[in-house]
């Protein structure tokens, strides 16, 4: 089974849906010209289609681009609704939760607490 590693630091979720006829050349061009990012950096770029039943992950590996795709047969991926444009940054662990069907935007994490003494 191929899955993104949990320790990956830079995962960029492209919020607007993408035309999934785009492949490596088209998606790398979106990363560079639309998102304003470097497609050759050590990062994963995640895209979904309008129906949110497919995900593509684009990344550069040493000497070429790789493109990974997952298609759901009956369900949909949970996607952010509070942002309509741009990207959301996450890590590999969060990406795997997204791939497993968790809604990362419905339940916010516990708040951080800071104390000066006991």
N, C-alpha and C. Protein backbone atom coordinates (compact mmCIF):
# COMPACT_ATOMS: atom_id res chain seq x y z
N UNK A 1 0.84 -1.18 0.00
CA UNK A 1 0.00 0.00 0.00
C UNK A 1 0.89 1.24 0.00
N UNK A 2 0.56 2.19 -0.82
CA UNK A 2 1.29 3.46 -0.87
C UNK A 2 0.47 4.52 -0.16
N UNK A 3 1.10 5.18 0.79
CA UNK A 3 0.46 6.26 1.53
C UNK A 3 1.49 7.32 1.85
N UNK A 4 1.10 8.57 1.95
CA UNK A 4 2.07 9.60 2.38
C UNK A 4 2.55 9.32 3.80
N UNK A 5 3.82 9.59 4.05
CA UNK A 5 4.39 9.39 5.39
C UNK A 5 3.77 10.38 6.37
N UNK A 6 3.66 9.95 7.61
CA UNK A 6 3.09 10.82 8.65
C UNK A 6 4.02 11.97 9.02
N UNK A 7 5.32 11.82 8.79
CA UNK A 7 6.27 12.85 9.22
C UNK A 7 6.54 13.92 8.17
N UNK A 8 5.79 13.93 7.08
CA UNK A 8 5.95 14.96 6.06
C UNK A 8 5.48 16.29 6.66
N UNK A 9 6.30 17.31 6.52
CA UNK A 9 6.01 18.61 7.14
C UNK A 9 5.16 19.53 6.27
N UNK A 10 5.40 19.54 4.96
CA UNK A 10 4.76 20.51 4.08
C UNK A 10 3.77 19.84 3.13
N UNK A 11 2.50 19.97 3.47
CA UNK A 11 1.41 19.50 2.62
C UNK A 11 0.52 20.70 2.36
N UNK A 12 0.31 21.00 1.10
CA UNK A 12 -0.50 22.16 0.71
C UNK A 12 -1.77 21.68 0.02
N UNK A 13 -2.88 21.94 0.65
CA UNK A 13 -4.18 21.55 0.14
C UNK A 13 -4.72 22.69 -0.71
N UNK A 14 -4.90 22.46 -1.99
CA UNK A 14 -5.47 23.47 -2.88
C UNK A 14 -6.98 23.45 -2.69
N UNK A 15 -7.54 24.53 -2.19
CA UNK A 15 -8.95 24.55 -1.79
C UNK A 15 -9.90 24.50 -2.98
N UNK A 16 -9.73 25.34 -4.02
CA UNK A 16 -10.70 25.28 -5.12
C UNK A 16 -10.61 23.94 -5.86
N UNK A 17 -11.73 23.41 -6.33
CA UNK A 17 -11.69 22.16 -7.08
C UNK A 17 -10.94 22.33 -8.40
N UNK A 18 -10.35 21.24 -8.85
CA UNK A 18 -9.54 21.24 -10.06
C UNK A 18 -10.20 20.38 -11.13
N UNK A 19 -9.96 20.73 -12.36
CA UNK A 19 -10.36 19.89 -13.49
C UNK A 19 -9.43 18.68 -13.50
N UNK A 20 -9.96 17.49 -13.30
CA UNK A 20 -9.11 16.31 -13.16
C UNK A 20 -8.62 15.74 -14.48
N UNK A 21 -8.89 16.44 -15.57
CA UNK A 21 -8.22 16.07 -16.82
C UNK A 21 -6.77 16.54 -16.78
N UNK A 22 -6.46 17.45 -15.86
CA UNK A 22 -5.08 17.91 -15.69
C UNK A 22 -4.24 16.78 -15.10
N UNK A 23 -3.04 16.69 -15.61
CA UNK A 23 -2.12 15.68 -15.09
C UNK A 23 -0.90 16.40 -14.54
N UNK A 24 0.26 15.80 -14.63
CA UNK A 24 1.47 16.36 -14.02
C UNK A 24 1.78 17.76 -14.54
N UNK A 25 1.81 17.94 -15.84
CA UNK A 25 2.16 19.25 -16.40
C UNK A 25 1.16 20.33 -15.99
N UNK A 26 -0.12 20.04 -16.09
CA UNK A 26 -1.14 21.03 -15.76
C UNK A 26 -1.17 21.36 -14.27
N UNK A 27 -1.03 20.34 -13.41
CA UNK A 27 -1.06 20.59 -11.98
C UNK A 27 0.20 21.30 -11.50
N UNK A 28 1.35 20.97 -12.07
CA UNK A 28 2.57 21.68 -11.66
C UNK A 28 2.51 23.14 -12.10
N UNK A 29 1.87 23.40 -13.22
CA UNK A 29 1.68 24.78 -13.67
C UNK A 29 0.72 25.52 -12.73
N UNK A 30 -0.32 24.86 -12.23
CA UNK A 30 -1.23 25.46 -11.25
C UNK A 30 -0.46 25.83 -9.99
N UNK A 31 0.39 24.91 -9.52
CA UNK A 31 1.18 25.18 -8.31
C UNK A 31 2.02 26.43 -8.50
N UNK A 32 2.65 26.55 -9.66
CA UNK A 32 3.56 27.67 -9.89
C UNK A 32 2.83 28.97 -10.20
N UNK A 33 1.89 28.95 -11.14
CA UNK A 33 1.30 30.21 -11.58
C UNK A 33 0.07 30.64 -10.77
N UNK A 34 -0.77 29.72 -10.36
CA UNK A 34 -1.99 30.08 -9.63
C UNK A 34 -1.71 30.19 -8.13
N UNK A 35 -1.04 29.19 -7.57
CA UNK A 35 -0.77 29.20 -6.13
C UNK A 35 0.47 30.01 -5.77
N UNK A 36 1.31 30.30 -6.77
CA UNK A 36 2.52 31.09 -6.52
C UNK A 36 3.56 30.35 -5.69
N UNK A 37 3.62 29.04 -5.84
CA UNK A 37 4.55 28.23 -5.06
C UNK A 37 5.52 27.50 -5.98
N UNK A 38 6.58 26.97 -5.40
CA UNK A 38 7.60 26.25 -6.14
C UNK A 38 7.24 24.76 -6.18
N UNK A 39 6.87 24.22 -7.35
CA UNK A 39 6.48 22.81 -7.41
C UNK A 39 7.64 21.84 -7.17
N UNK A 40 8.89 22.36 -7.17
CA UNK A 40 10.06 21.51 -6.96
C UNK A 40 10.48 21.43 -5.49
N UNK A 41 9.80 22.16 -4.61
CA UNK A 41 10.15 22.11 -3.19
C UNK A 41 9.75 20.77 -2.60
N UNK A 42 10.29 20.47 -1.44
CA UNK A 42 9.96 19.22 -0.75
C UNK A 42 8.60 19.38 -0.09
N UNK A 43 7.55 19.06 -0.85
CA UNK A 43 6.18 19.25 -0.37
C UNK A 43 5.24 18.39 -1.20
N UNK A 44 4.05 18.18 -0.64
CA UNK A 44 2.98 17.52 -1.36
C UNK A 44 1.91 18.56 -1.67
N UNK A 45 1.40 18.54 -2.89
CA UNK A 45 0.34 19.45 -3.32
C UNK A 45 -0.90 18.60 -3.59
N UNK A 46 -1.97 18.89 -2.85
CA UNK A 46 -3.17 18.04 -2.86
C UNK A 46 -4.30 18.78 -3.56
N UNK A 47 -4.95 18.07 -4.49
CA UNK A 47 -6.05 18.64 -5.28
C UNK A 47 -7.25 17.70 -5.21
N UNK A 48 -8.44 18.27 -5.35
CA UNK A 48 -9.66 17.46 -5.45
C UNK A 48 -10.47 17.94 -6.64
N UNK A 49 -11.40 17.10 -7.06
CA UNK A 49 -12.31 17.48 -8.14
C UNK A 49 -13.57 18.12 -7.55
N UNK A 50 -14.47 18.57 -8.39
CA UNK A 50 -15.67 19.28 -7.93
C UNK A 50 -16.56 18.39 -7.07
N UNK A 51 -16.66 17.11 -7.39
CA UNK A 51 -17.51 16.19 -6.62
C UNK A 51 -16.84 15.71 -5.33
N UNK A 52 -15.56 16.02 -5.16
CA UNK A 52 -14.76 15.63 -3.99
C UNK A 52 -14.74 14.12 -3.76
N UNK A 53 -14.80 13.36 -4.85
CA UNK A 53 -14.67 11.91 -4.71
C UNK A 53 -13.31 11.41 -5.22
N UNK A 54 -12.47 12.36 -5.63
CA UNK A 54 -11.11 12.03 -6.09
C UNK A 54 -10.12 13.01 -5.50
N UNK A 55 -8.92 12.51 -5.23
CA UNK A 55 -7.81 13.34 -4.77
C UNK A 55 -6.59 13.00 -5.61
N UNK A 56 -5.85 14.04 -5.99
CA UNK A 56 -4.54 13.86 -6.63
C UNK A 56 -3.50 14.56 -5.77
N UNK A 57 -2.35 13.90 -5.63
CA UNK A 57 -1.24 14.47 -4.88
C UNK A 57 -0.04 14.53 -5.81
N UNK A 58 0.48 15.73 -5.98
CA UNK A 58 1.63 15.96 -6.85
C UNK A 58 2.85 16.27 -5.99
N UNK A 59 3.99 15.68 -6.32
CA UNK A 59 5.23 16.00 -5.61
C UNK A 59 6.43 15.72 -6.50
N UNK A 60 7.50 16.43 -6.22
CA UNK A 60 8.77 16.27 -6.92
C UNK A 60 9.63 15.31 -6.12
N UNK A 61 10.16 14.29 -6.79
CA UNK A 61 11.03 13.33 -6.11
C UNK A 61 12.35 13.22 -6.88
N UNK A 62 13.35 13.87 -6.38
CA UNK A 62 14.73 13.82 -6.86
C UNK A 62 14.92 14.17 -8.33
N UNK A 63 14.32 13.44 -9.24
CA UNK A 63 14.58 13.67 -10.66
C UNK A 63 13.31 13.65 -11.52
N UNK A 64 12.16 13.80 -10.88
CA UNK A 64 10.93 13.82 -11.66
C UNK A 64 9.71 13.99 -10.77
N UNK A 65 8.60 14.36 -11.40
CA UNK A 65 7.35 14.52 -10.68
C UNK A 65 6.68 13.17 -10.49
N UNK A 66 5.96 13.04 -9.39
CA UNK A 66 5.11 11.87 -9.11
C UNK A 66 3.69 12.36 -8.93
N UNK A 67 2.75 11.55 -9.36
CA UNK A 67 1.33 11.89 -9.21
C UNK A 67 0.62 10.68 -8.63
N UNK A 68 -0.02 10.90 -7.48
CA UNK A 68 -0.73 9.84 -6.77
C UNK A 68 -2.21 10.21 -6.79
N UNK A 69 -3.07 9.21 -7.00
CA UNK A 69 -4.50 9.49 -7.07
C UNK A 69 -5.28 8.47 -6.26
N UNK A 70 -6.34 8.93 -5.60
CA UNK A 70 -7.28 8.05 -4.91
C UNK A 70 -8.68 8.42 -5.34
N UNK A 71 -9.49 7.40 -5.63
CA UNK A 71 -10.89 7.60 -6.03
C UNK A 71 -11.78 6.86 -5.04
N UNK A 72 -12.76 7.56 -4.48
CA UNK A 72 -13.73 6.93 -3.59
C UNK A 72 -14.88 6.39 -4.42
N UNK A 73 -15.38 5.25 -4.03
CA UNK A 73 -16.47 4.63 -4.78
C UNK A 73 -17.84 5.10 -4.32
N UNK A 74 -18.00 5.45 -3.01
CA UNK A 74 -19.33 5.80 -2.53
C UNK A 74 -19.39 7.08 -1.71
N UNK A 75 -18.30 7.54 -1.19
CA UNK A 75 -18.33 8.69 -0.29
C UNK A 75 -17.61 9.87 -0.90
N UNK A 76 -17.46 10.93 -0.12
CA UNK A 76 -16.77 12.14 -0.55
C UNK A 76 -15.72 12.51 0.47
N UNK A 77 -14.66 13.15 0.00
CA UNK A 77 -13.64 13.66 0.92
C UNK A 77 -14.17 14.90 1.61
N UNK A 78 -13.86 15.05 2.88
CA UNK A 78 -14.24 16.25 3.62
C UNK A 78 -13.26 17.34 3.22
N UNK A 79 -13.79 18.47 2.82
CA UNK A 79 -12.96 19.56 2.30
C UNK A 79 -13.31 20.84 3.04
N UNK A 80 -12.38 21.75 3.22
CA UNK A 80 -12.69 22.98 3.97
C UNK A 80 -13.75 23.82 3.26
N UNK A 81 -14.67 24.33 4.06
CA UNK A 81 -15.71 25.21 3.51
C UNK A 81 -15.54 26.64 3.99
N UNK A 82 -14.69 26.87 4.98
CA UNK A 82 -14.49 28.21 5.53
C UNK A 82 -13.53 29.04 4.69
N UNK A 83 -12.87 28.42 3.70
CA UNK A 83 -11.94 29.11 2.81
C UNK A 83 -12.36 28.77 1.38
N UNK A 84 -12.45 29.77 0.52
CA UNK A 84 -12.89 29.49 -0.85
C UNK A 84 -11.77 29.54 -1.86
N UNK A 85 -10.61 30.08 -1.47
CA UNK A 85 -9.52 30.24 -2.43
C UNK A 85 -8.20 29.99 -1.74
N UNK A 86 -7.17 29.67 -2.51
CA UNK A 86 -5.84 29.52 -1.96
C UNK A 86 -5.54 28.12 -1.47
N UNK A 87 -4.66 28.05 -0.48
CA UNK A 87 -4.24 26.76 0.06
C UNK A 87 -4.36 26.72 1.57
N UNK A 88 -4.40 25.53 2.08
CA UNK A 88 -4.34 25.28 3.51
C UNK A 88 -3.12 24.40 3.75
N UNK A 89 -2.33 24.77 4.74
CA UNK A 89 -1.12 24.02 5.05
C UNK A 89 -1.42 23.00 6.14
N UNK A 90 -0.93 21.79 5.94
CA UNK A 90 -1.09 20.73 6.93
C UNK A 90 0.15 19.86 6.91
N UNK A 91 0.15 18.80 7.71
CA UNK A 91 1.29 17.87 7.71
C UNK A 91 0.81 16.50 7.21
N UNK A 92 1.73 15.56 7.15
CA UNK A 92 1.41 14.24 6.62
C UNK A 92 0.37 13.49 7.45
N UNK A 93 0.41 13.67 8.75
CA UNK A 93 -0.56 12.99 9.61
C UNK A 93 -1.97 13.49 9.32
N UNK A 94 -2.13 14.79 9.19
CA UNK A 94 -3.44 15.36 8.88
C UNK A 94 -3.92 14.91 7.50
N UNK A 95 -3.01 14.84 6.55
CA UNK A 95 -3.37 14.37 5.21
C UNK A 95 -3.90 12.94 5.27
N UNK A 96 -3.26 12.09 6.05
CA UNK A 96 -3.73 10.72 6.17
C UNK A 96 -5.11 10.66 6.83
N UNK A 97 -5.36 11.53 7.80
CA UNK A 97 -6.70 11.60 8.40
C UNK A 97 -7.73 12.00 7.34
N UNK A 98 -7.37 12.97 6.50
CA UNK A 98 -8.26 13.41 5.42
C UNK A 98 -8.53 12.24 4.46
N UNK A 99 -7.49 11.50 4.11
CA UNK A 99 -7.65 10.35 3.21
C UNK A 99 -8.52 9.26 3.84
N UNK A 100 -8.51 9.18 5.17
CA UNK A 100 -9.33 8.18 5.89
C UNK A 100 -10.77 8.64 6.10
N UNK A 101 -11.09 9.89 5.74
CA UNK A 101 -12.47 10.36 5.81
C UNK A 101 -12.80 11.26 6.98
N UNK A 102 -11.81 11.64 7.78
CA UNK A 102 -12.09 12.53 8.90
C UNK A 102 -12.32 13.96 8.41
N UNK A 103 -13.23 14.66 9.07
CA UNK A 103 -13.50 16.07 8.76
C UNK A 103 -12.63 16.91 9.69
N UNK A 104 -11.54 17.41 9.18
CA UNK A 104 -10.57 18.16 9.98
C UNK A 104 -11.06 19.55 10.35
N UNK A 105 -12.11 20.04 9.72
CA UNK A 105 -12.56 21.41 9.94
C UNK A 105 -13.81 21.49 10.80
N UNK A 106 -14.42 20.39 11.08
CA UNK A 106 -15.64 20.40 11.88
C UNK A 106 -15.33 20.55 13.36
N UNK A 107 -14.35 19.84 13.85
CA UNK A 107 -14.01 19.88 15.28
C UNK A 107 -12.63 20.49 15.47
N UNK A 108 -12.57 21.69 16.02
CA UNK A 108 -11.25 22.29 16.25
C UNK A 108 -10.52 21.54 17.37
N UNK A 109 -9.20 21.57 17.37
CA UNK A 109 -8.45 20.88 18.43
C UNK A 109 -8.60 21.60 19.76
N UNK A 110 -8.16 20.93 20.81
CA UNK A 110 -8.16 21.56 22.14
C UNK A 110 -7.30 22.82 22.10
N UNK A 111 -7.70 23.80 22.88
CA UNK A 111 -6.93 25.05 22.94
C UNK A 111 -5.65 24.83 23.72
N UNK A 112 -4.61 25.50 23.32
CA UNK A 112 -3.33 25.45 24.04
C UNK A 112 -3.43 26.29 25.29
N UNK A 113 -2.89 25.79 26.38
CA UNK A 113 -2.87 26.52 27.64
C UNK A 113 -1.43 26.84 28.00
N UNK A 114 -1.22 28.01 28.52
CA UNK A 114 0.11 28.44 28.92
C UNK A 114 0.05 28.93 30.37
N UNK A 115 0.90 28.37 31.23
CA UNK A 115 0.94 28.73 32.64
C UNK A 115 2.32 29.25 33.00
N UNK A 116 2.38 30.09 34.02
CA UNK A 116 3.66 30.62 34.50
C UNK A 116 4.09 29.92 35.80
N UNK A 117 3.15 29.30 36.47
CA UNK A 117 3.49 28.56 37.70
C UNK A 117 2.44 27.49 37.94
N UNK A 118 2.73 26.61 38.90
CA UNK A 118 1.83 25.50 39.20
C UNK A 118 0.73 25.90 40.14
